[in-house]
C-alpha atoms as a PDB file:
ATOM      1  CA  MET A   1       1.143  14.517 -16.927  1.00  0.00           C
ATOM      2  CA  GLY A   2      -2.318  14.116 -18.330  1.00  0.00           C
ATOM      3  CA  ALA A   3      -5.933  15.026 -17.894  1.00  0.00           C
ATOM      4  CA  ILE A   4      -8.777  13.176 -16.210  1.00  0.00           C
ATOM      5  CA  ILE A   5     -12.123  12.893 -17.952  1.00  0.00           C
ATOM      6  CA  LEU A   6     -15.283  10.989 -17.186  1.00  0.00           C
ATOM      7  CA  ASN A   7     -16.938   9.050 -19.999  1.00  0.00           C
ATOM      8  CA  ALA A   8     -20.670   8.912 -19.467  1.00  0.00           C
ATOM      9  CA  ASN A   9     -23.741   9.105 -21.645  1.00  0.00           C
ATOM     10  CA  GLY A  10     -26.868  10.983 -20.656  1.00  0.00           C
ATOM     11  CA  ASP A  11     -27.091  14.200 -18.675  1.00  0.00           C
ATOM     12  CA  PRO A  12     -23.533  15.296 -17.797  1.00  0.00           C
ATOM     13  CA  ASP A  13     -24.817  17.649 -15.086  1.00  0.00           C
ATOM     14  CA  ARG A  14     -25.377  14.698 -12.761  1.00  0.00           C
ATOM     15  CA  PHE A  15     -21.577  14.610 -12.350  1.00  0.00           C
ATOM     16  CA  SER A  16     -21.062  18.365 -11.868  1.00  0.00           C
ATOM     17  CA  GLU A  17     -19.898  17.960  -8.254  1.00  0.00           C
ATOM     18  CA  TYR A  18     -16.757  16.160  -9.520  1.00  0.00           C
ATOM     19  CA  LYS A  19     -15.647  19.133 -11.612  1.00  0.00           C
ATOM     20  CA  LEU A  20     -14.364  16.868 -14.388  1.00  0.00           C
ATOM     21  CA  PRO A  21     -15.029  17.135 -18.091  1.00  0.00           C
ATOM     22  CA  VAL A  22     -17.738  14.627 -19.052  1.00  0.00           C
ATOM     23  CA  VAL A  23     -17.323  13.144 -22.513  1.00  0.00           C
ATOM     24  CA  ALA A  24     -20.118  11.132 -24.091  1.00  0.00           C
ATOM     25  CA  ASP A  25     -19.493   8.272 -26.499  1.00  0.00           C
ATOM     26  CA  SER A  26     -18.576   9.595 -29.939  1.00  0.00           C
ATOM     27  CA  LYS A  27     -20.735   6.919 -31.579  1.00  0.00           C
ATOM     28  CA  ASP A  28     -24.478   6.538 -31.132  1.00  0.00           C
ATOM     29  CA  GLY A  29     -26.159   3.412 -29.851  1.00  0.00           C
ATOM     30  CA  PHE A  30     -24.572   2.757 -26.433  1.00  0.00           C
ATOM     31  CA  LEU A  31     -21.994   0.384 -27.888  1.00  0.00           C
ATOM     32  CA  GLY A  32     -20.273  -0.462 -24.610  1.00  0.00           C
ATOM     33  CA  PRO A  33     -16.883   0.270 -23.057  1.00  0.00           C
ATOM     34  CA  LEU A  34     -14.984   0.304 -26.353  1.00  0.00           C
ATOM     35  CA  ALA A  35     -17.091   3.267 -27.480  1.00  0.00           C
ATOM     36  CA  GLY A  36     -16.026   5.089 -24.326  1.00  0.00           C
ATOM     37  CA  VAL A  37     -12.386   4.312 -25.059  1.00  0.00           C
ATOM     38  CA  LEU A  38     -12.859   5.685 -28.584  1.00  0.00           C
ATOM     39  CA  ALA A  39     -14.403   8.892 -27.199  1.00  0.00           C
ATOM     40  CA  ALA A  40     -11.398   9.292 -24.887  1.00  0.00           C
ATOM     41  CA  MET A  41      -9.017   8.627 -27.780  1.00  0.00           C
ATOM     42  CA  ASP A  42     -10.772  11.274 -29.860  1.00  0.00           C
ATOM     43  CA  MET A  43     -10.375  13.836 -27.089  1.00  0.00           C
ATOM     44  CA  ALA A  44      -6.782  12.782 -26.402  1.00  0.00           C
ATOM     45  CA  ALA A  45      -5.850  13.117 -30.076  1.00  0.00           C
ATOM     46  CA  ARG A  46      -7.444  16.572 -30.204  1.00  0.00           C
ATOM     47  CA  ASP A  47      -5.494  17.630 -27.098  1.00  0.00           C
ATOM     48  CA  GLY A  48      -2.158  16.162 -28.211  1.00  0.00           C
ATOM     49  CA  PHE A  49      -1.945  13.069 -25.999  1.00  0.00           C
ATOM     50  CA  ASP A  50      -0.567   9.742 -27.281  1.00  0.00           C
ATOM     51  CA  TRP A  51      -2.093   7.399 -24.680  1.00  0.00           C
ATOM     52  CA  VAL A  52      -5.410   6.938 -22.899  1.00  0.00           C
ATOM     53  CA  ALA A  53      -5.788   5.077 -19.616  1.00  0.00           C
ATOM     54  CA  SER A  54      -9.152   3.655 -18.621  1.00  0.00           C
ATOM     55  CA  VAL A  55     -10.495   2.538 -15.255  1.00  0.00           C
ATOM     56  CA  ALA A  56     -13.906   1.430 -14.047  1.00  0.00           C
ATOM     57  CA  ALA A  57     -15.676   3.870 -11.753  1.00  0.00           C
ATOM     58  CA  ASP A  58     -17.075   1.081  -9.561  1.00  0.00           C
ATOM     59  CA  THR A  59     -13.697  -0.310  -8.493  1.00  0.00           C
ATOM     60  CA  PRO A  60     -12.457   1.490  -5.369  1.00  0.00           C
ATOM     61  CA  PHE A  61      -9.230  -0.431  -4.767  1.00  0.00           C
ATOM     62  CA  PHE A  62      -7.481  -0.369  -8.146  1.00  0.00           C
ATOM     63  CA  PRO A  63      -3.694   0.040  -7.855  1.00  0.00           C
ATOM     64  CA  ILE A  64      -2.414   3.578  -7.485  1.00  0.00           C
ATOM     65  CA  ASP A  65       0.451   2.701  -9.842  1.00  0.00           C
ATOM     66  CA  LEU A  66      -1.853   1.150 -12.449  1.00  0.00           C
ATOM     67  CA  VAL A  67      -0.984   3.548 -15.259  1.00  0.00           C
ATOM     68  CA  SER A  68       2.766   3.481 -14.651  1.00  0.00           C
ATOM     69  CA  GLN A  69       2.837  -0.335 -14.576  1.00  0.00           C
ATOM     70  CA  LEU A  70       0.741  -0.578 -17.741  1.00  0.00           C
ATOM     71  CA  ARG A  71       2.945   2.000 -19.474  1.00  0.00           C
ATOM     72  CA  GLN A  72       6.159   0.212 -18.488  1.00  0.00           C
ATOM     73  CA  ALA A  73       4.839  -3.096 -19.819  1.00  0.00           C
ATOM     74  CA  ALA A  74       3.502  -1.547 -23.047  1.00  0.00           C
ATOM     75  CA  THR A  75       6.841   0.173 -23.657  1.00  0.00           C
ATOM     76  CA  ARG A  76       8.880  -2.938 -22.816  1.00  0.00           C
ATOM     77  CA  GLU A  77       6.812  -5.116 -25.173  1.00  0.00           C
ATOM     78  CA  SER A  78       6.054  -2.450 -27.804  1.00  0.00           C
ATOM     79  CA  ALA A  79       2.363  -3.141 -27.319  1.00  0.00           C
ATOM     80  CA  PRO A  80      -0.349  -0.685 -28.380  1.00  0.00           C
ATOM     81  CA  VAL A  81      -2.677  -1.830 -25.577  1.00  0.00           C
ATOM     82  CA  ALA A  82      -1.991  -3.135 -22.074  1.00  0.00           C
ATOM     83  CA  LEU A  83      -4.771  -4.613 -19.928  1.00  0.00           C
ATOM     84  CA  ALA A  84      -4.653  -5.301 -16.206  1.00  0.00           C
ATOM     85  CA  ALA A  85      -4.954  -8.863 -14.886  1.00  0.00           C
ATOM     86  CA  SER A  86      -4.893 -10.539 -11.492  1.00  0.00           C
ATOM     87  CA  TYR A  87      -4.914 -14.074 -10.182  1.00  0.00           C
ATOM     88  CA  ASP A  88      -8.400 -15.252  -9.240  1.00  0.00           C
ATOM     89  CA  LYS A  89      -8.000 -17.873  -6.515  1.00  0.00           C
ATOM     90  CA  ALA A  90     -11.573 -19.139  -6.881  1.00  0.00           C
ATOM     91  CA  ALA A  91     -11.192 -19.656 -10.628  1.00  0.00           C
ATOM     92  CA  GLY A  92      -7.595 -20.839 -10.313  1.00  0.00           C
ATOM     93  CA  ARG A  93      -6.342 -18.665 -13.157  1.00  0.00           C
ATOM     94  CA  MET A  94      -5.370 -15.185 -14.265  1.00  0.00           C
ATOM     95  CA  MET A  95      -8.339 -12.963 -15.028  1.00  0.00           C
ATOM     96  CA  ARG A  96      -8.108  -9.968 -17.319  1.00  0.00           C
ATOM     97  CA  HIS A  97      -9.783  -6.763 -16.264  1.00  0.00           C
ATOM     98  CA  PRO A  98     -10.348  -5.204 -19.681  1.00  0.00           C
ATOM     99  CA  THR A  99     -11.800  -1.904 -18.490  1.00  0.00           C
ATOM    100  CA  PHE A 100      -8.430  -1.234 -16.834  1.00  0.00           C
ATOM    101  CA  GLY A 101      -6.176  -0.516 -19.740  1.00  0.00           C
ATOM    102  CA  LEU A 102      -3.705   1.716 -21.483  1.00  0.00           C
ATOM    103  CA  TRP A 103      -4.519   2.411 -25.128  1.00  0.00           C
ATOM    104  CA  HIS A 104      -2.361   4.080 -27.778  1.00  0.00           C
ATOM    105  CA  VAL A 105      -4.267   6.800 -29.595  1.00  0.00           C
ATOM    106  CA  ALA A 106      -2.868   5.591 -32.934  1.00  0.00           C
ATOM    107  CA  LEU A 107      -5.489   2.806 -32.693  1.00  0.00           C
ATOM    108  CA  ARG A 108      -8.405   5.248 -33.106  1.00  0.00           C
ATOM    109  CA  ASP A 109      -9.198   4.376 -36.709  1.00  0.00           C
ATOM    110  CA  ALA A 110      -8.912   0.640 -36.076  1.00  0.00           C
ATOM    111  CA  LEU A 111     -11.189   0.888 -33.046  1.00  0.00           C
ATOM    112  CA  ASP A 112     -13.697   3.021 -34.936  1.00  0.00           C
ATOM    113  CA  GLN A 113     -13.807   0.413 -37.707  1.00  0.00           C
ATOM    114  CA  ALA A 114     -14.127  -2.448 -35.230  1.00  0.00           C
ATOM    115  CA  LEU A 115     -17.130  -0.764 -33.641  1.00  0.00           C
ATOM    116  CA  GLU A 116     -18.650  -0.230 -37.091  1.00  0.00           C
ATOM    117  CA  ASP A 117     -18.081  -3.948 -37.752  1.00  0.00           C
ATOM    118  CA  GLY A 118     -19.988  -4.875 -34.582  1.00  0.00           C
ATOM    119  CA  VAL A 119     -17.101  -5.729 -32.249  1.00  0.00           C
ATOM    120  CA  ARG A 120     -18.169  -5.138 -28.643  1.00  0.00           C
ATOM    121  CA  LYS A 121     -15.902  -7.395 -26.574  1.00  0.00           C
ATOM    122  CA  ILE A 122     -12.809  -5.568 -25.378  1.00  0.00           C
ATOM    123  CA  VAL A 123     -10.599  -8.651 -25.175  1.00  0.00           C
ATOM    124  CA  ARG A 124     -11.532  -9.797 -28.678  1.00  0.00           C
ATOM    125  CA  TRP A 125     -10.413  -6.472 -30.124  1.00  0.00           C
ATOM    126  CA  THR A 126      -7.323  -5.986 -27.948  1.00  0.00           C
ATOM    127  CA  ASP A 127      -6.099  -9.485 -28.772  1.00  0.00           C
ATOM    128  CA  ALA A 128      -6.536  -8.722 -32.478  1.00  0.00           C
ATOM    129  CA  VAL A 129      -4.397  -5.562 -32.272  1.00  0.00           C
ATOM    130  CA  GLY A 130      -1.577  -7.079 -30.199  1.00  0.00           C
ATOM    131  CA  GLY A 131      -2.657  -6.122 -26.705  1.00  0.00           C
ATOM    132  CA  ILE A 132      -0.864  -7.570 -23.696  1.00  0.00           C
ATOM    133  CA  GLU A 133      -1.884  -8.673 -20.216  1.00  0.00           C
ATOM    134  CA  VAL A 134      -0.144  -7.068 -17.235  1.00  0.00           C
ATOM    135  CA  PRO A 135      -0.473  -9.014 -13.963  1.00  0.00           C
ATOM    136  CA  PHE A 136      -1.110  -7.173 -10.712  1.00  0.00           C
ATOM    137  CA  GLU A 137      -0.496  -8.974  -7.460  1.00  0.00           C
ATOM    138  CA  THR A 138      -3.124  -9.611  -4.851  1.00  0.00           C
ATOM    139  CA  GLY A 139      -1.930 -10.158  -1.328  1.00  0.00           C
ATOM    140  CA  GLU A 140      -3.263 -11.908   1.731  1.00  0.00           C
ATOM    141  CA  GLY A 141      -5.351  -9.611   3.880  1.00  0.00           C
ATOM    142  CA  PHE A 142      -5.641  -7.044   1.100  1.00  0.00           C
ATOM    143  CA  PRO A 143      -8.734  -6.663  -1.062  1.00  0.00           C
ATOM    144  CA  ASP A 144      -8.722  -7.722  -4.679  1.00  0.00           C
ATOM    145  CA  PRO A 145      -7.506  -4.554  -6.428  1.00  0.00           C
ATOM    146  CA  PHE A 146     -10.171  -5.021  -9.105  1.00  0.00           C
ATOM    147  CA  PHE A 147     -13.092  -5.798  -6.787  1.00  0.00           C
ATOM    148  CA  ASN A 148     -16.068  -3.914  -8.165  1.00  0.00           C
ATOM    149  CA  VAL A 149     -19.135  -2.641  -6.381  1.00  0.00           C
ATOM    150  CA  ASN A 150     -22.470  -3.243  -8.091  1.00  0.00           C
ATOM    151  CA  THR A 151     -24.825  -4.242  -5.274  1.00  0.00           C
ATOM    152  CA  PRO A 152     -25.543  -3.117  -1.710  1.00  0.00           C
ATOM    153  CA  ASP A 153     -23.865  -6.305  -0.428  1.00  0.00           C
ATOM    154  CA  GLU A 154     -20.715  -5.537  -2.439  1.00  0.00           C
ATOM    155  CA  LEU A 155     -20.745  -1.979  -1.095  1.00  0.00           C
ATOM    156  CA  ARG A 156     -20.872  -3.313   2.478  1.00  0.00           C
ATOM    157  CA  ALA A 157     -18.023  -5.726   1.676  1.00  0.00           C
ATOM    158  CA  ALA A 158     -15.948  -2.866   0.223  1.00  0.00           C
ATOM    159  CA  GLU A 159     -16.547  -0.756   3.308  1.00  0.00           C
ATOM    160  CA  GLN A 160     -15.382  -3.649   5.504  1.00  0.00           C
ATOM    161  CA  MET A 161     -12.270  -4.130   3.335  1.00  0.00           C
ATOM    162  CA  ARG A 162     -11.475  -0.426   3.546  1.00  0.00           C
ATOM    163  CA  ASN A 163     -11.666  -0.541   7.341  1.00  0.00           C
ATOM    164  CA  CYS A 164      -9.293  -3.532   7.666  1.00  0.00           C
END
């Protein structure tokens, strides 16, 4: 079993209603999602955890078994990072969802150095360290598990999907 934290910069009190620890990026400069992963790795290492799972807060339908599927694949393939993917019918190909991942804490120093070197793209770094892609199925009549909500129109669409 693990712990749930929220990675967010700025005033942590704005999330007080969730009663979760809020951890800011451990590096200055708002360096993107990889900096949040590093902050989580730092906390996990301090608390004795070996793995960190990450999800995007604006994605209401992500699979409930996300972490277990990522962990199984990472273990099976001896991979230090596993990223979620799903088939995008419109694009006609698999699409990685790099904010949905499982990250081994042993990568902390490598990630810290990558951020110092200016790496900001998750996939670029995860490919370089031997990350794998784990496909998640999308079914007919079921919303894309990685559909994210960024606009009022997307929020309305998510509410309609939830009510189906």
